[in-house]
Every structure is written in structure tokens, then in C-alpha cells.
Amino acid sequence: MKAVRLRRKDEGWRAPAWCRAAAVALLWCAPALVSVAGTAGDGNDGEKKAVRQRSGWDNPVESPVVAEGGRVAFALVAPGAQRVELGGQFMAGRRPMERDSLGAWRVEVDIPQADIYPYSFVVDGVEISDPSNPLTFPNERFKASLLVMPYEGALYLPAADVPAGQVRYCTYYSRRMGMFRPLLVYTPPGYDAGTADYPALYLVSGTTDTEETWFKVGRANHILDHLIARGRAAKMLVVMPYGYMPAHGTPDPSSGGAADMYADFAAELTDEIMPFVERGFRVRKERGSRAVAGFSRGGGQALFTAYSRPDLFSAVAAYAAYLTPEVMDARFAALFSDAGRADSLLRLKWFGVGDDDFLRPGVEEHLRYFDRKKVDYEIFRTGGGHTWMNARTYLTETLPLFFPNEE
């Protein structure tokens, strides 16, 4: 049996009047001359010009600038460039930028749906982040910036009347790997002042993402703050580990190498990360108070972990991720040979995928495997592709489902 849920149609742009972005002062190594309005009649060709020398520390342009209605202006100072283009997940392809008289390249784009979008500039074939924007996408390889478009009711933005949890940067030592590893832990509002223990969600990022991506791009902390304040989700810890396993690299998700990497991560999570968290934080240690979820590679790691250790986890969610039927038969045939037992151990098996996601065929094949075994699951389909905009949507949908019996 499967529950099919469709994403609600977007309500469109609802930006408040205050949403125009402010300029952010960043380090800029080349001074800029800025002309101010002139006055005639000073004996110097009939024109007086007041010219202010900007400090080398001033930022010469604002970028991005979000105007009411969804029009966004981007700018980059690159006077020696021959060609500059804008690329972003709010549009297909790239948009050429035009150079002004001061050497700044500019373009404006209409973006009707407010969200958080990765974008970058391509300067003479080299992709760079926006030097005027301090919001960057944490990633091992590509260096994108983040366009944050506010709208009323956006769960990915903080609100003054919503109590906020904390995100704590941690480092643990992995005996298995012989190295220190990074880890982020979200604690809910009131954690420090109280004595209660909380359930824990282990939330893993995707291929080439870092431990910071669910925090800085996924905005898991703000989303959960809002849901807790509205009574829609339980107070919980969210543990955000680094999913890269150096011994395996980044294998194709349908390869045997991916299964080996997933198995290595599952052991890292259960043998190293969980004990570290349970020593240092007030978390409940029964399986009904643990869930694991992830996006892309992290989703495959979450599935493998939950299927390997149903004695430790009661819920799993995979955002645009899957395991192949070959891996299921080779590794988990015993668990899923008895559908009733599998469903009782893993009460939530949730999958989200976009219609244009390049991993959608693999997700659907995974679910057909469950259909053949008569194993229960939930599927949530959206439009769009393999994006963090969709990943945030999937997280928002599943946070209320992980621990439904908690206050």
C-alpha cells in the first residue's frame, strides 16, 4: 500500500515591501572612482565634478538586489573580462551580462517564485561565486552563492516571534577512520534551560555537499523552529554529519561501489557519530526516538543505515535517493521477505522526488521493489529537478512525521 501526495501549487510571489536587499560591505582590493553630480560654471570646461575616492575596503556594487515583484539585479566588477554570464537554478541555461562604463557587468532577471536559489557567475569560462554576496553554498566542488528571496510566511527565514533553536559546530574523533570529523547539531528552543531528553533526527547532505549544507542551504533550523512553534513538529535534535567517505570517493548511485560506501557510512553513523551525540547531548536512546534522512547521496546513506539497523531506527526518509534491487536482494532480503515485520520495524519509509529529477527512475525502481514485496511506503512527488529547493520541501513535509507521538 502506498500513499501518494502531490505538492500544492505555489501561490506565487508574495514579497513584502521591505524585501529589497541591503548592500553588504566586503573586501575589495581595487579602489573605485565614483562621480557625483556636477555643476556648471567653474572654469573647468564649464563643469565642476565632485569625485570621491572610495576606500579599497568598500564594495563597488550591490549584488544581488531583490525588488518587490521578483525582479533581481546581479552585478560583478570584472573590467578585464571578455564575457560574463549568470547561471542559477531559477532559470534554464545562462544569461549574458552587459558591461557598463565603469567595468561592472550587470543583468536583471524576473523570478516569479520566491525561494532560496544557488547561482554563480561564469567569467571567461570560469565559474565563480558572487564576491558581493556573503551567502555561499557549502560544497566540495562548485562555488555558488545563494539568492534568498523573502516572502510572508517563508519557513526558511527566521521570525522575531518564533523561538529559535541553536546550531552547534562540533568535532568528533572517528576511531574507524583515524581522523577528526565535523558535525553540526541543532538543539530546539529551551534546550539549555531544561532537563528533558529529545528524539534525534540524523540528517545527511548530498554528493559534494558538506556538513553545513542542510544548515546554510536547507535552513533546517529555521524550518523546524517554525514547525515547533506552530505545534506541527516535535522538539528534536537534528544531527548533520559530513557524508563524504574518503576511502570510496563518489561512486555512481547504481554501482556496487555505492553500496560499499553506504555501508561504510552506516557503520560510521552507528559506531562513531551516535555514541558521540548520545554522550554529549540529552537524547533518547530507544529506536522509536531515532530517525535518519538525507538528500541524494545522503538519502542513499540514510536508506542503507535504516535497513541495516532497524533495531536502532524506526523511520527513514529519502529525498531523491534509492537503492537498487540488486543491493536490496544482496543486503536486505531477510528484512523485506516479511512485509509485516519490515513495516512494523520501520513504520515510516518516505520518498520524495521531482518529476524532472535525473534520479527519478532509480527511485521508482526502488518503489516497484517494495510493491512486489507488498511493503508499505509513502511517495511525495513534486515538479522540478534535483535541487535544494525540492529538498527543503521534502524536509518540511517529513519533519512532522518522524516523531508524531512527541509533544
Protein backbone atom coordinates (compact mmCIF):
# COMPACT_ATOMS: atom_id res chain seq x y z
CA MET A 1 0.00 0.00 0.00
CA LYS A 2 1.34 3.42 -0.85
CA ALA A 3 0.19 6.94 -0.11
CA VAL A 4 0.65 9.38 -3.00
CA ARG A 5 0.86 13.03 -2.09
CA LEU A 6 1.16 15.90 -4.52
CA ARG A 7 2.80 19.19 -3.80
CA ARG A 8 0.43 22.12 -3.50
CA LYS A 9 0.54 24.61 -6.34
CA ASP A 10 2.75 27.55 -5.47
CA GLU A 11 0.94 30.70 -4.50
CA GLY A 12 3.40 32.82 -6.47
CA TRP A 13 5.43 35.85 -5.42
CA ARG A 14 4.27 37.42 -2.16
CA ALA A 15 7.26 39.57 -1.26
CA PRO A 16 6.68 42.35 1.29
CA ALA A 17 7.77 45.86 0.51
CA TRP A 18 10.77 45.61 2.81
CA CYS A 19 12.39 42.80 0.85
CA ARG A 20 14.88 44.90 -1.14
CA ALA A 21 18.28 43.56 -0.20
CA ALA A 22 20.79 45.79 1.52
CA ALA A 23 24.34 46.15 0.28
CA VAL A 24 26.94 44.06 2.08
CA ALA A 25 30.42 45.51 2.59
CA LEU A 26 33.07 43.00 1.54
CA LEU A 27 36.77 43.17 0.97
CA TRP A 28 37.56 44.71 -2.43
CA CYS A 29 41.18 45.10 -3.40
CA ALA A 30 40.90 47.72 -6.17
CA PRO A 31 39.74 51.29 -5.34
CA ALA A 32 36.92 52.72 -7.45
CA LEU A 33 36.25 56.29 -8.57
CA VAL A 34 32.64 57.38 -8.24
CA SER A 35 31.42 60.54 -9.98
CA VAL A 36 28.88 62.70 -8.18
CA ALA A 37 26.56 65.21 -9.94
CA GLY A 38 28.49 68.14 -11.44
CA THR A 39 27.79 71.86 -11.52
CA ALA A 40 28.39 74.17 -14.48
CA GLY A 41 30.47 77.38 -14.38
CA ASP A 42 33.68 76.55 -12.52
CA GLY A 43 36.04 77.44 -15.38
CA ASN A 44 36.96 73.83 -15.98
CA ASP A 45 35.24 73.19 -19.33
CA GLY A 46 32.12 74.74 -17.80
CA GLU A 47 31.67 71.79 -15.44
CA LYS A 48 32.55 71.12 -11.84
CA LYS A 49 32.83 67.46 -10.90
CA ALA A 50 32.95 66.20 -7.34
CA VAL A 51 34.80 62.90 -7.39
CA ARG A 52 35.02 60.76 -4.27
CA GLN A 53 37.80 58.21 -3.90
CA ARG A 54 36.30 55.04 -2.44
CA SER A 55 38.36 53.14 0.06
CA GLY A 56 39.90 49.90 -1.11
CA TRP A 57 37.72 48.22 1.52
CA ASP A 58 34.45 49.41 0.01
CA ASN A 59 32.37 47.12 -2.18
CA PRO A 60 31.81 48.85 -5.53
CA VAL A 61 28.49 47.16 -6.41
CA GLU A 62 25.43 45.67 -4.73
CA SER A 63 24.54 42.13 -5.74
CA PRO A 64 22.05 40.63 -5.67
CA VAL A 65 19.34 43.25 -5.21
CA VAL A 66 15.80 41.88 -4.85
CA ALA A 67 13.00 44.26 -5.81
CA GLU A 68 9.34 43.86 -4.98
CA GLY A 69 7.66 41.78 -7.62
CA GLY A 70 10.51 39.32 -8.08
CA ARG A 71 12.92 41.30 -10.24
CA VAL A 72 16.51 40.65 -9.18
CA ALA A 73 19.59 42.60 -10.25
CA PHE A 74 23.03 40.97 -10.32
CA ALA A 75 26.36 42.77 -10.73
CA LEU A 76 30.04 41.89 -10.88
CA VAL A 77 33.09 44.16 -11.23
CA ALA A 78 35.42 42.47 -13.73
CA PRO A 79 36.82 45.18 -16.05
CA GLY A 80 39.31 42.82 -17.71
CA ALA A 81 36.78 40.12 -18.56
CA GLN A 82 35.73 39.48 -22.13
CA ARG A 83 32.48 37.62 -21.37
CA VAL A 84 30.45 37.24 -18.16
CA GLU A 85 27.32 35.12 -17.76
CA LEU A 86 24.87 34.48 -14.95
CA GLY A 87 23.78 30.94 -14.12
CA GLY A 88 21.22 29.99 -11.49
CA GLN A 89 18.67 27.38 -10.55
CA PHE A 90 15.90 29.93 -11.07
CA MET A 91 16.25 29.68 -14.86
CA ALA A 92 17.34 27.38 -17.65
CA GLY A 93 20.79 27.92 -19.14
CA ARG A 94 22.87 31.05 -18.67
CA ARG A 95 22.11 34.71 -19.18
CA PRO A 96 24.76 37.03 -20.74
CA MET A 97 25.64 40.08 -18.67
CA GLU A 98 26.43 43.54 -20.07
CA ARG A 99 29.38 45.72 -19.09
CA ASP A 100 28.84 49.33 -18.09
CA SER A 101 31.29 52.24 -18.42
CA LEU A 102 32.91 51.52 -15.03
CA GLY A 103 33.66 47.89 -15.85
CA ALA A 104 30.78 46.40 -13.89
CA TRP A 105 28.80 43.60 -15.56
CA ARG A 106 25.06 43.67 -14.90
CA VAL A 107 21.87 41.79 -15.64
CA GLU A 108 18.31 41.75 -14.28
CA VAL A 109 16.14 38.65 -14.12
CA ASP A 110 12.45 38.18 -13.28
CA ILE A 111 11.99 35.33 -10.78
CA PRO A 112 8.27 34.81 -10.11
CA GLN A 113 8.61 32.19 -7.34
CA ALA A 114 10.36 33.20 -4.13
CA ASP A 115 12.80 30.65 -2.73
CA ILE A 116 16.50 30.18 -1.95
CA TYR A 117 18.40 29.63 -5.18
CA PRO A 118 22.05 28.77 -5.88
CA TYR A 119 23.63 30.96 -8.57
CA SER A 120 27.07 31.84 -9.88
CA PHE A 121 28.91 33.93 -12.46
CA VAL A 122 30.90 32.46 -15.34
CA VAL A 123 33.80 34.76 -16.19
CA ASP A 124 35.58 33.84 -19.43
CA GLY A 125 34.60 30.22 -18.84
CA VAL A 126 35.48 30.09 -15.14
CA GLU A 127 32.62 29.68 -12.62
CA ILE A 128 32.89 31.88 -9.52
CA SER A 129 30.66 32.88 -6.64
CA ASP A 130 29.36 36.43 -6.26
CA PRO A 131 32.05 38.43 -4.36
CA SER A 132 29.38 40.91 -3.22
CA ASN A 133 27.29 38.24 -1.52
CA PRO A 134 28.42 36.68 1.79
CA LEU A 135 25.89 33.83 1.45
CA THR A 136 27.67 30.91 -0.19
CA PHE A 137 26.74 27.30 -0.89
CA PRO A 138 28.88 24.92 1.22
CA ASN A 139 30.19 22.38 -1.27
CA GLU A 140 33.39 20.49 -2.03
CA ARG A 141 33.47 21.40 -5.72
CA PHE A 142 31.21 24.10 -7.14
CA LYS A 143 31.35 27.57 -5.60
CA ALA A 144 27.88 29.05 -5.82
CA SER A 145 26.26 31.92 -3.99
CA LEU A 146 22.76 31.91 -2.52
CA LEU A 147 19.93 34.18 -3.58
CA VAL A 148 17.46 34.43 -0.69
CA MET A 149 14.07 35.77 -1.77
CA PRO A 150 11.81 36.52 1.20
CA TYR A 151 8.05 36.22 1.25
CA GLU A 152 5.49 36.40 4.00
CA GLY A 153 5.28 33.09 5.81
CA ALA A 154 8.51 31.65 4.41
CA LEU A 155 9.62 28.89 6.77
CA TYR A 156 13.25 29.24 5.70
CA LEU A 157 13.50 32.72 7.27
CA PRO A 158 13.77 33.48 11.00
CA ALA A 159 10.93 35.41 12.64
CA ALA A 160 11.08 37.64 15.70
CA ASP A 161 8.05 35.97 17.30
CA VAL A 162 9.33 32.39 16.77
CA PRO A 163 11.64 30.94 19.46
CA ALA A 164 14.89 29.84 17.88
CA GLY A 165 16.95 26.75 18.49
CA GLN A 166 20.72 26.69 18.22
CA VAL A 167 23.08 25.11 15.71
CA ARG A 168 26.29 23.92 17.34
CA TYR A 169 29.51 23.17 15.48
CA CYS A 170 31.17 20.03 16.81
CA THR A 171 34.21 17.92 16.02
CA TYR A 172 34.40 14.24 16.92
CA TYR A 173 37.22 11.77 16.56
CA SER A 174 36.43 8.74 14.41
CA ARG A 175 38.40 5.71 15.53
CA ARG A 176 37.21 3.85 12.45
CA MET A 177 38.63 6.45 10.10
CA GLY A 178 41.54 7.61 12.26
CA MET A 179 40.67 11.28 11.88
CA PHE A 180 38.64 14.14 13.29
CA ARG A 181 35.35 14.78 11.53
CA PRO A 182 32.95 17.77 11.55
CA LEU A 183 29.38 17.62 12.78
CA LEU A 184 26.54 20.11 13.30
CA VAL A 185 23.84 19.61 15.94
CA TYR A 186 20.60 21.59 16.13
CA THR A 187 19.11 21.81 19.61
CA PRO A 188 15.49 23.00 19.97
CA PRO A 189 14.30 26.15 21.77
CA GLY A 190 14.57 25.75 25.54
CA TYR A 191 17.20 23.01 25.37
CA ASP A 192 19.78 24.73 27.60
CA ALA A 193 17.26 25.81 30.22
CA GLY A 194 15.64 22.38 30.55
CA THR A 195 16.44 18.83 31.54
CA ALA A 196 14.29 16.86 29.08
CA ASP A 197 15.66 14.30 26.66
CA TYR A 198 14.71 14.63 22.99
CA PRO A 199 14.36 12.37 19.95
CA ALA A 200 17.08 12.70 17.32
CA LEU A 201 16.97 13.02 13.55
CA TYR A 202 20.19 12.22 11.69
CA LEU A 203 20.09 14.34 8.53
CA VAL A 204 22.68 13.79 5.78
CA SER A 205 23.56 16.07 2.85
CA GLY A 206 24.16 15.08 -0.76
CA THR A 207 27.08 14.41 -3.06
CA THR A 208 29.85 17.03 -2.74
CA ASP A 209 27.86 18.82 -0.02
CA THR A 210 29.34 19.39 3.42
CA GLU A 211 28.01 19.09 6.95
CA GLU A 212 26.90 22.74 6.70
CA THR A 213 24.62 22.37 3.67
CA TRP A 214 21.42 21.36 5.49
CA PHE A 215 22.02 24.35 7.78
CA LYS A 216 23.02 27.09 5.35
CA VAL A 217 21.09 25.97 2.26
CA GLY A 218 18.42 23.65 3.61
CA ARG A 219 17.67 26.02 6.53
CA ALA A 220 16.66 23.01 8.63
CA ASN A 221 16.92 25.06 11.82
CA HIS A 222 14.52 27.81 10.72
CA ILE A 223 12.04 25.36 9.24
CA LEU A 224 11.96 23.30 12.41
CA ASP A 225 11.70 26.41 14.62
CA HIS A 226 8.55 27.43 12.74
CA LEU A 227 7.02 23.96 12.79
CA ILE A 228 7.68 23.57 16.52
CA ALA A 229 6.15 26.99 17.24
CA ARG A 230 3.03 26.04 15.26
CA GLY A 231 2.71 22.70 17.03
CA ARG A 232 3.29 20.80 13.80
CA ALA A 233 6.53 19.03 14.75
CA ALA A 234 8.07 17.68 17.93
CA LYS A 235 11.06 19.26 19.57
CA MET A 236 14.04 17.22 18.45
CA LEU A 237 17.77 17.27 17.92
CA VAL A 238 18.94 17.31 14.31
CA VAL A 239 22.39 15.86 13.76
CA MET A 240 24.04 16.89 10.48
CA PRO A 241 27.16 14.82 9.68
CA TYR A 242 29.60 15.05 6.79
CA GLY A 243 28.67 12.27 4.38
CA TYR A 244 31.86 12.02 2.32
CA MET A 245 33.75 8.76 2.89
CA PRO A 246 37.34 9.24 1.64
CA ALA A 247 38.04 5.53 1.08
CA HIS A 248 35.29 5.32 -1.53
CA GLY A 249 35.18 8.66 -3.34
CA THR A 250 31.91 9.40 -5.12
CA PRO A 251 30.65 6.29 -6.94
CA ASP A 252 27.60 6.23 -9.20
CA PRO A 253 24.49 5.60 -7.05
CA SER A 254 23.58 2.50 -9.09
CA SER A 255 27.02 0.90 -8.76
CA GLY A 256 28.22 -1.73 -6.35
CA GLY A 257 30.75 0.77 -5.11
CA ALA A 258 27.92 2.99 -3.88
CA ALA A 259 26.59 0.17 -1.69
CA ASP A 260 30.06 -0.32 -0.18
CA MET A 261 30.29 3.41 0.55
CA TYR A 262 26.80 3.44 2.07
CA ALA A 263 27.74 0.51 4.30
CA ASP A 264 30.88 2.33 5.47
CA PHE A 265 28.85 5.43 6.29
CA ALA A 266 26.20 3.40 8.13
CA ALA A 267 28.90 1.96 10.37
CA GLU A 268 30.37 5.44 10.91
CA LEU A 269 26.96 6.75 11.94
CA THR A 270 26.08 3.96 14.34
CA ASP A 271 29.55 3.27 15.78
CA GLU A 272 31.02 6.78 15.99
CA ILE A 273 28.51 9.59 15.45
CA MET A 274 25.63 8.26 17.54
CA PRO A 275 27.79 7.49 20.60
CA PHE A 276 29.35 10.95 20.38
CA VAL A 277 25.93 12.60 20.25
CA GLU A 278 24.46 10.44 22.99
CA ARG A 279 27.40 11.20 25.31
CA GLY A 280 27.25 14.94 24.79
CA PHE A 281 23.55 15.74 24.30
CA ARG A 282 20.29 14.88 26.00
CA VAL A 283 18.78 12.45 23.51
CA ARG A 284 16.51 9.46 23.91
CA LYS A 285 18.18 6.19 23.10
CA GLU A 286 15.27 3.94 22.13
CA ARG A 287 14.75 3.15 18.45
CA GLY A 288 11.35 4.88 18.37
CA SER A 289 13.14 8.15 19.12
CA ARG A 290 15.61 7.92 16.24
CA ALA A 291 15.10 8.70 12.56
CA VAL A 292 17.50 9.10 9.64
CA ALA A 293 17.01 11.07 6.42
CA GLY A 294 19.05 12.54 3.61
CA PHE A 295 19.16 14.15 0.19
CA SER A 296 20.76 12.49 -2.87
CA ARG A 297 23.85 10.60 -1.67
CA GLY A 298 22.72 11.30 1.89
CA GLY A 299 19.39 9.71 1.09
CA GLY A 300 21.09 6.53 -0.10
CA GLN A 301 23.18 6.54 3.07
CA ALA A 302 20.03 7.03 5.16
CA LEU A 303 18.23 4.12 3.48
CA PHE A 304 21.20 1.79 3.88
CA THR A 305 21.59 2.78 7.54
CA ALA A 306 17.92 2.27 8.40
CA TYR A 307 17.64 -1.03 6.51
CA SER A 308 20.85 -2.29 8.13
CA ARG A 309 19.87 -1.32 11.65
CA PRO A 310 16.09 -1.38 12.17
CA ASP A 311 16.93 -2.18 15.79
CA LEU A 312 18.22 1.41 16.08
CA PHE A 313 15.89 3.44 13.80
CA SER A 314 12.12 3.49 13.37
CA ALA A 315 11.78 5.99 10.50
CA VAL A 316 13.65 6.81 7.30
CA ALA A 317 13.16 9.42 4.57
CA ALA A 318 15.00 9.56 1.24
CA TYR A 319 14.88 12.79 -0.72
CA ALA A 320 15.69 11.93 -4.36
CA ALA A 321 17.55 8.74 -3.46
CA TYR A 322 17.26 4.97 -3.79
CA LEU A 323 18.94 1.59 -3.50
CA THR A 324 18.99 -0.75 -6.49
CA PRO A 325 17.03 -4.05 -6.49
CA GLU A 326 20.38 -5.87 -6.66
CA VAL A 327 21.54 -4.19 -3.45
CA MET A 328 18.18 -4.85 -1.81
CA ASP A 329 18.35 -8.57 -2.65
CA ALA A 330 22.01 -8.92 -1.70
CA ARG A 331 21.89 -6.96 1.55
CA PHE A 332 18.32 -6.80 2.84
CA ALA A 333 16.42 -9.81 1.54
CA ALA A 334 15.83 -11.12 5.06
CA LEU A 335 14.31 -7.86 6.30
CA PHE A 336 11.90 -7.40 3.39
CA SER A 337 10.94 -11.04 2.93
CA ASP A 338 8.34 -10.45 5.64
CA ALA A 339 6.46 -7.25 4.73
CA GLY A 340 4.57 -7.10 8.00
CA ARG A 341 7.72 -7.33 10.06
CA ALA A 342 9.51 -4.74 7.90
CA ASP A 343 6.61 -2.31 8.23
CA SER A 344 6.43 -2.78 11.99
CA LEU A 345 10.16 -2.16 12.40
CA LEU A 346 10.34 0.80 10.02
CA ARG A 347 6.97 2.45 10.48
CA LEU A 348 7.89 5.32 8.12
CA LYS A 349 9.56 4.78 4.75
CA TRP A 350 9.14 8.09 2.94
CA PHE A 351 10.36 9.05 -0.54
CA GLY A 352 10.32 12.43 -2.27
CA VAL A 353 11.33 13.07 -5.88
CA GLY A 354 10.83 15.69 -8.59
CA ASP A 355 9.32 14.96 -11.99
CA ASP A 356 12.49 16.21 -13.72
CA ASP A 357 14.97 14.71 -11.26
CA PHE A 358 17.62 12.65 -13.07
CA LEU A 359 17.45 10.11 -10.21
CA ARG A 360 13.67 9.65 -10.52
CA PRO A 361 13.94 6.36 -12.50
CA GLY A 362 16.06 4.85 -9.73
CA VAL A 363 13.61 5.99 -7.06
CA GLU A 364 10.69 4.48 -8.95
CA GLU A 365 12.53 1.20 -9.42
CA HIS A 366 13.17 1.07 -5.67
CA LEU A 367 9.47 1.59 -5.00
CA ARG A 368 8.49 -1.11 -7.51
CA TYR A 369 10.67 -3.46 -5.48
CA PHE A 370 8.54 -2.57 -2.43
CA ASP A 371 5.38 -3.09 -4.47
CA ARG A 372 6.48 -6.60 -5.38
CA LYS A 373 7.25 -7.34 -1.73
CA LYS A 374 3.98 -5.67 -0.60
CA VAL A 375 5.96 -3.34 1.66
CA ASP A 376 4.30 -0.09 2.68
CA TYR A 377 5.80 3.33 1.91
CA GLU A 378 4.89 6.94 1.19
CA ILE A 379 5.76 8.81 -2.00
CA PHE A 380 5.66 12.60 -2.39
CA ARG A 381 6.08 13.95 -5.91
CA THR A 382 6.92 17.49 -6.88
CA GLY A 383 7.78 19.34 -10.03
CA GLY A 384 11.34 20.38 -10.70
CA GLY A 385 14.60 18.51 -10.60
CA HIS A 386 17.45 17.54 -8.32
CA THR A 387 17.51 20.80 -6.36
CA TRP A 388 17.80 22.04 -2.82
CA MET A 389 14.53 23.88 -3.35
CA ASN A 390 12.88 20.47 -3.53
CA ALA A 391 14.99 19.12 -0.68
CA ARG A 392 13.66 21.87 1.62
CA THR A 393 10.11 20.99 0.59
CA TYR A 394 10.69 17.31 1.40
CA LEU A 395 12.20 18.14 4.78
CA THR A 396 9.24 20.36 5.63
CA GLU A 397 6.82 17.57 4.76
CA THR A 398 8.63 14.91 6.79
CA LEU A 399 9.61 16.73 9.99
CA PRO A 400 6.08 16.33 11.42
CA LEU A 401 6.13 12.60 10.57
CA PHE A 402 9.32 11.43 12.26
CA PHE A 403 8.10 11.59 15.86
CA PRO A 404 4.32 12.07 15.72
CA ASN A 405 3.68 10.95 19.29
CA GLU A 406 6.04 13.50 20.85
CA GLU A 407 4.79 16.81 22.17
